[in-house]
Protein backbone atom coordinates (compact mmCIF):
# COMPACT_ATOMS: atom_id res chain seq x y z
CA UNK A 1 -54.34 -79.78 -26.99
CA UNK A 2 -52.29 -76.80 -28.14
CA UNK A 3 -48.49 -76.59 -27.64
CA UNK A 4 -46.83 -73.38 -26.44
CA UNK A 5 -44.15 -71.88 -28.66
CA UNK A 6 -41.12 -69.98 -27.29
CA UNK A 7 -40.71 -66.47 -28.77
CA UNK A 8 -37.33 -65.71 -30.32
CA UNK A 9 -36.18 -62.06 -30.42
CA UNK A 10 -34.80 -60.88 -33.73
CA UNK A 11 -31.01 -61.06 -33.99
CA UNK A 12 -30.62 -57.32 -34.74
CA UNK A 13 -32.56 -56.40 -31.59
CA UNK A 14 -30.40 -58.61 -29.38
CA UNK A 15 -27.19 -57.20 -30.89
CA UNK A 16 -28.27 -53.60 -30.40
CA UNK A 17 -29.41 -54.26 -26.83
CA UNK A 18 -26.05 -55.72 -25.87
CA UNK A 19 -24.19 -52.76 -27.43
CA UNK A 20 -26.43 -50.28 -25.57
CA UNK A 21 -25.84 -52.01 -22.22
CA UNK A 22 -22.06 -52.05 -22.78
CA UNK A 23 -22.07 -48.33 -23.66
CA UNK A 24 -24.03 -47.46 -20.53
CA UNK A 25 -21.68 -49.49 -18.32
CA UNK A 26 -18.64 -47.85 -19.90
CA UNK A 27 -20.10 -44.37 -19.31
CA UNK A 28 -20.88 -45.10 -15.65
CA UNK A 29 -17.44 -46.61 -14.96
CA UNK A 30 -15.69 -43.74 -16.74
CA UNK A 31 -17.50 -41.08 -14.68
CA UNK A 32 -16.66 -42.88 -11.44
CA UNK A 33 -12.97 -43.08 -12.33
CA UNK A 34 -12.87 -39.37 -13.22
CA UNK A 35 -14.46 -38.45 -9.87
CA UNK A 36 -11.87 -40.50 -7.97
CA UNK A 37 -8.94 -39.01 -9.85
CA UNK A 38 -9.89 -35.43 -8.89
CA UNK A 39 -9.05 -32.24 -10.84
CA UNK A 40 -5.97 -32.40 -12.99
CA UNK A 41 -3.04 -30.20 -12.13
CA UNK A 42 -2.66 -27.17 -14.29
CA UNK A 43 0.62 -26.66 -16.09
CA UNK A 44 2.45 -23.48 -15.21
CA UNK A 45 5.17 -21.56 -16.98
CA UNK A 46 8.32 -23.42 -17.93
CA UNK A 47 11.35 -22.94 -15.68
CA UNK A 48 14.81 -22.03 -16.84
CA UNK A 49 15.83 -25.70 -17.23
CA UNK A 50 12.81 -26.49 -19.40
CA UNK A 51 10.72 -28.14 -16.66
CA UNK A 52 7.13 -27.07 -16.21
CA UNK A 53 5.80 -25.92 -12.85
CA UNK A 54 2.46 -27.30 -11.74
CA UNK A 55 -0.03 -25.94 -9.28
CA UNK A 56 -1.91 -27.94 -6.71
CA UNK A 57 -1.44 -29.36 -3.25
CA UNK A 58 2.32 -29.81 -3.46
CA UNK A 59 4.83 -29.75 -0.64
CA UNK A 60 8.23 -28.19 -1.09
CA UNK A 61 7.07 -25.92 -3.90
CA UNK A 62 9.82 -23.92 -5.62
CA UNK A 63 10.69 -20.45 -4.42
CA UNK A 64 8.96 -18.91 -7.41
CA UNK A 65 5.64 -20.28 -6.15
CA UNK A 66 6.18 -19.20 -2.52
CA UNK A 67 3.23 -17.30 -1.03
CA UNK A 68 3.60 -13.53 -0.81
CA UNK A 69 4.79 -12.10 2.53
CA UNK A 70 2.12 -11.31 5.05
CA UNK A 71 1.15 -7.75 5.93
CA UNK A 72 2.94 -8.08 9.27
CA UNK A 73 6.18 -9.16 7.62
CA UNK A 74 5.95 -6.33 5.10
CA UNK A 75 5.41 -3.89 7.92
CA UNK A 76 8.41 -5.26 9.82
CA UNK A 77 10.55 -5.07 6.69
CA UNK A 78 9.44 -1.49 6.06
CA UNK A 79 9.91 -0.35 9.66
CA UNK A 80 11.50 3.12 9.52
CA UNK A 81 14.21 3.72 12.08
CA UNK A 82 14.22 7.11 13.81
CA UNK A 83 16.26 9.29 11.51
CA UNK A 84 16.83 12.81 12.80
CA UNK A 85 19.50 14.89 11.11
CA UNK A 86 22.10 12.23 11.86
CA UNK A 87 24.97 14.70 11.55
CA UNK A 88 23.40 16.76 14.38
CA UNK A 89 22.90 13.87 16.82
CA UNK A 90 25.16 12.30 19.44
CA UNK A 91 24.62 8.57 20.07
CA UNK A 92 25.25 6.67 23.30
CA UNK A 93 25.80 3.14 24.58
CA UNK A 94 22.94 1.43 26.48
CA UNK A 95 22.28 3.10 29.84
CA UNK A 96 25.30 5.39 29.40
CA UNK A 97 25.77 9.14 29.18
CA UNK A 98 29.45 9.02 28.22
CA UNK A 99 30.28 10.70 24.93
CA UNK A 100 32.41 8.61 22.60
CA UNK A 101 35.52 10.04 20.88
CA UNK A 102 33.56 10.18 17.61
CA UNK A 103 30.80 12.08 19.41
CA UNK A 104 33.27 14.62 20.84
CA UNK A 105 34.75 15.16 17.39
CA UNK A 106 31.27 15.83 16.05
CA UNK A 107 30.53 18.28 18.88
CA UNK A 108 33.67 20.29 18.05
CA UNK A 109 32.40 20.75 14.52
CA UNK A 110 28.86 21.64 15.63
CA UNK A 111 30.19 24.11 18.21
CA UNK A 112 31.73 26.17 15.41
CA UNK A 113 28.23 27.14 14.27
CA UNK A 114 27.43 28.57 17.70
CA UNK A 115 30.79 30.31 18.04
CA UNK A 116 30.41 31.91 14.61
CA UNK A 117 26.95 33.32 15.39
CA UNK A 118 26.26 34.23 19.01
CA UNK A 119 22.58 34.72 18.19
CA UNK A 120 22.17 31.04 17.44
CA UNK A 121 20.91 28.74 20.15
CA UNK A 122 20.93 24.96 20.26
CA UNK A 123 18.21 22.87 21.88
CA UNK A 124 19.48 19.58 23.23
CA UNK A 125 16.70 16.97 22.95
CA UNK A 126 17.46 13.86 24.98
CA UNK A 127 16.05 10.47 24.02
CA UNK A 128 16.25 6.94 25.39
CA UNK A 129 14.96 3.57 24.24
CA UNK A 130 12.26 1.70 26.13
CA UNK A 131 14.54 -0.73 28.00
CA UNK A 132 13.55 0.37 31.49
CA UNK A 133 10.88 2.30 33.32
CA UNK A 134 9.71 5.70 32.09
CA UNK A 135 11.34 7.47 35.05
CA UNK A 136 14.64 5.67 34.47
CA UNK A 137 14.64 6.55 30.79
CA UNK A 138 13.92 10.21 31.59
CA UNK A 139 16.85 10.26 34.00
CA UNK A 140 19.16 8.67 31.43
CA UNK A 141 18.05 11.13 28.74
CA UNK A 142 18.57 14.08 31.11
CA UNK A 143 22.04 12.80 32.02
CA UNK A 144 22.95 12.59 28.34
CA UNK A 145 21.79 16.16 27.80
CA UNK A 146 23.97 17.25 30.73
CA UNK A 147 27.00 15.52 29.22
CA UNK A 148 26.51 17.23 25.85
CA UNK A 149 25.86 20.63 27.44
CA UNK A 150 29.01 20.30 29.58
CA UNK A 151 31.09 19.39 26.52
CA UNK A 152 29.74 22.39 24.59
CA UNK A 153 30.55 24.77 27.46
CA UNK A 154 34.12 23.47 27.55
CA UNK A 155 34.31 24.28 23.84
CA UNK A 156 33.44 27.92 24.60
CA UNK A 157 29.67 27.92 24.05
CA UNK A 158 27.81 30.36 26.31
CA UNK A 159 25.18 28.98 28.67
CA UNK A 160 22.44 31.19 27.18
CA UNK A 161 22.97 29.47 23.80
CA UNK A 162 22.05 26.06 25.21
CA UNK A 163 18.49 24.92 25.89
CA UNK A 164 17.27 21.55 27.13
CA UNK A 165 14.33 19.28 26.33
CA UNK A 166 14.06 15.86 27.93
CA UNK A 167 11.93 13.29 26.07
CA UNK A 168 13.07 9.95 27.49
CA UNK A 169 11.22 7.12 25.77
CA UNK A 170 8.20 9.25 24.79
CA UNK A 171 9.00 9.10 21.06
CA UNK A 172 9.99 5.44 20.76
CA UNK A 173 7.96 3.86 17.90
CA UNK A 174 5.54 1.12 18.93
CA UNK A 175 7.31 -1.43 16.71
CA UNK A 176 10.84 -0.48 17.80
CA UNK A 177 12.07 -3.96 18.75
CA UNK A 178 15.27 -4.35 16.74
CA UNK A 179 18.71 -3.54 18.11
CA UNK A 180 19.19 -1.00 15.30
CA UNK A 181 16.05 0.91 16.25
CA UNK A 182 16.90 0.93 19.96
CA UNK A 183 20.43 2.10 19.20
CA UNK A 184 19.00 4.98 17.16
CA UNK A 185 16.86 6.06 20.13
CA UNK A 186 19.86 6.42 22.49
CA UNK A 187 20.76 9.91 21.37
CA UNK A 188 20.77 13.66 21.95
CA UNK A 189 19.58 15.75 19.00
CA UNK A 190 21.08 19.20 18.51
CA UNK A 191 18.46 21.50 16.96
CA UNK A 192 19.77 24.89 15.91
CA UNK A 193 17.66 28.06 15.70
CA UNK A 194 18.04 31.82 15.83
CA UNK A 195 17.71 33.28 19.32
CA UNK A 196 17.28 36.84 20.47
CA UNK A 197 19.86 39.59 20.88
CA UNK A 198 23.56 39.17 20.29
CA UNK A 199 25.11 39.13 23.78
């Protein structure tokens, strides 16, 4: 009868096997921890007080990291107000055709150009903002032209030197929503040109 003998692995083989298993476990655990932690935040430029800005999903980020303004905001900031030759325009209050004292003083100065050269003519171009119907704005613009024409005649300007052009709200910009823009549209422009014969 033969007896069975138990095989014993060499000590060096057992030691190396344990080390290999430990290394594999450490590698697997390390990769799992890295995946859970997510990408590290990147360091940004240092601020004035020596702190370093970081990028990532942060709330309340400093003003230096604020997103750039949108195209709509840039357009609103760059909106150009109507700017005729401001010195040759008379401005009015909302819905009014009354000329202010400053406007009458300006008309006295502008009338000197027409009195000095009888061949010159002035075209009064009446505007209004878009607060109201098109017909209402035309009527307001026409009334403003009438007020300016009447003031010029009282200053000695001949009727043949005065021409009229009513625009109403036809030239109001599409993005004219601010009070400054609407104020600029309530005006009568005085456009000077050479006419015909000297009467």
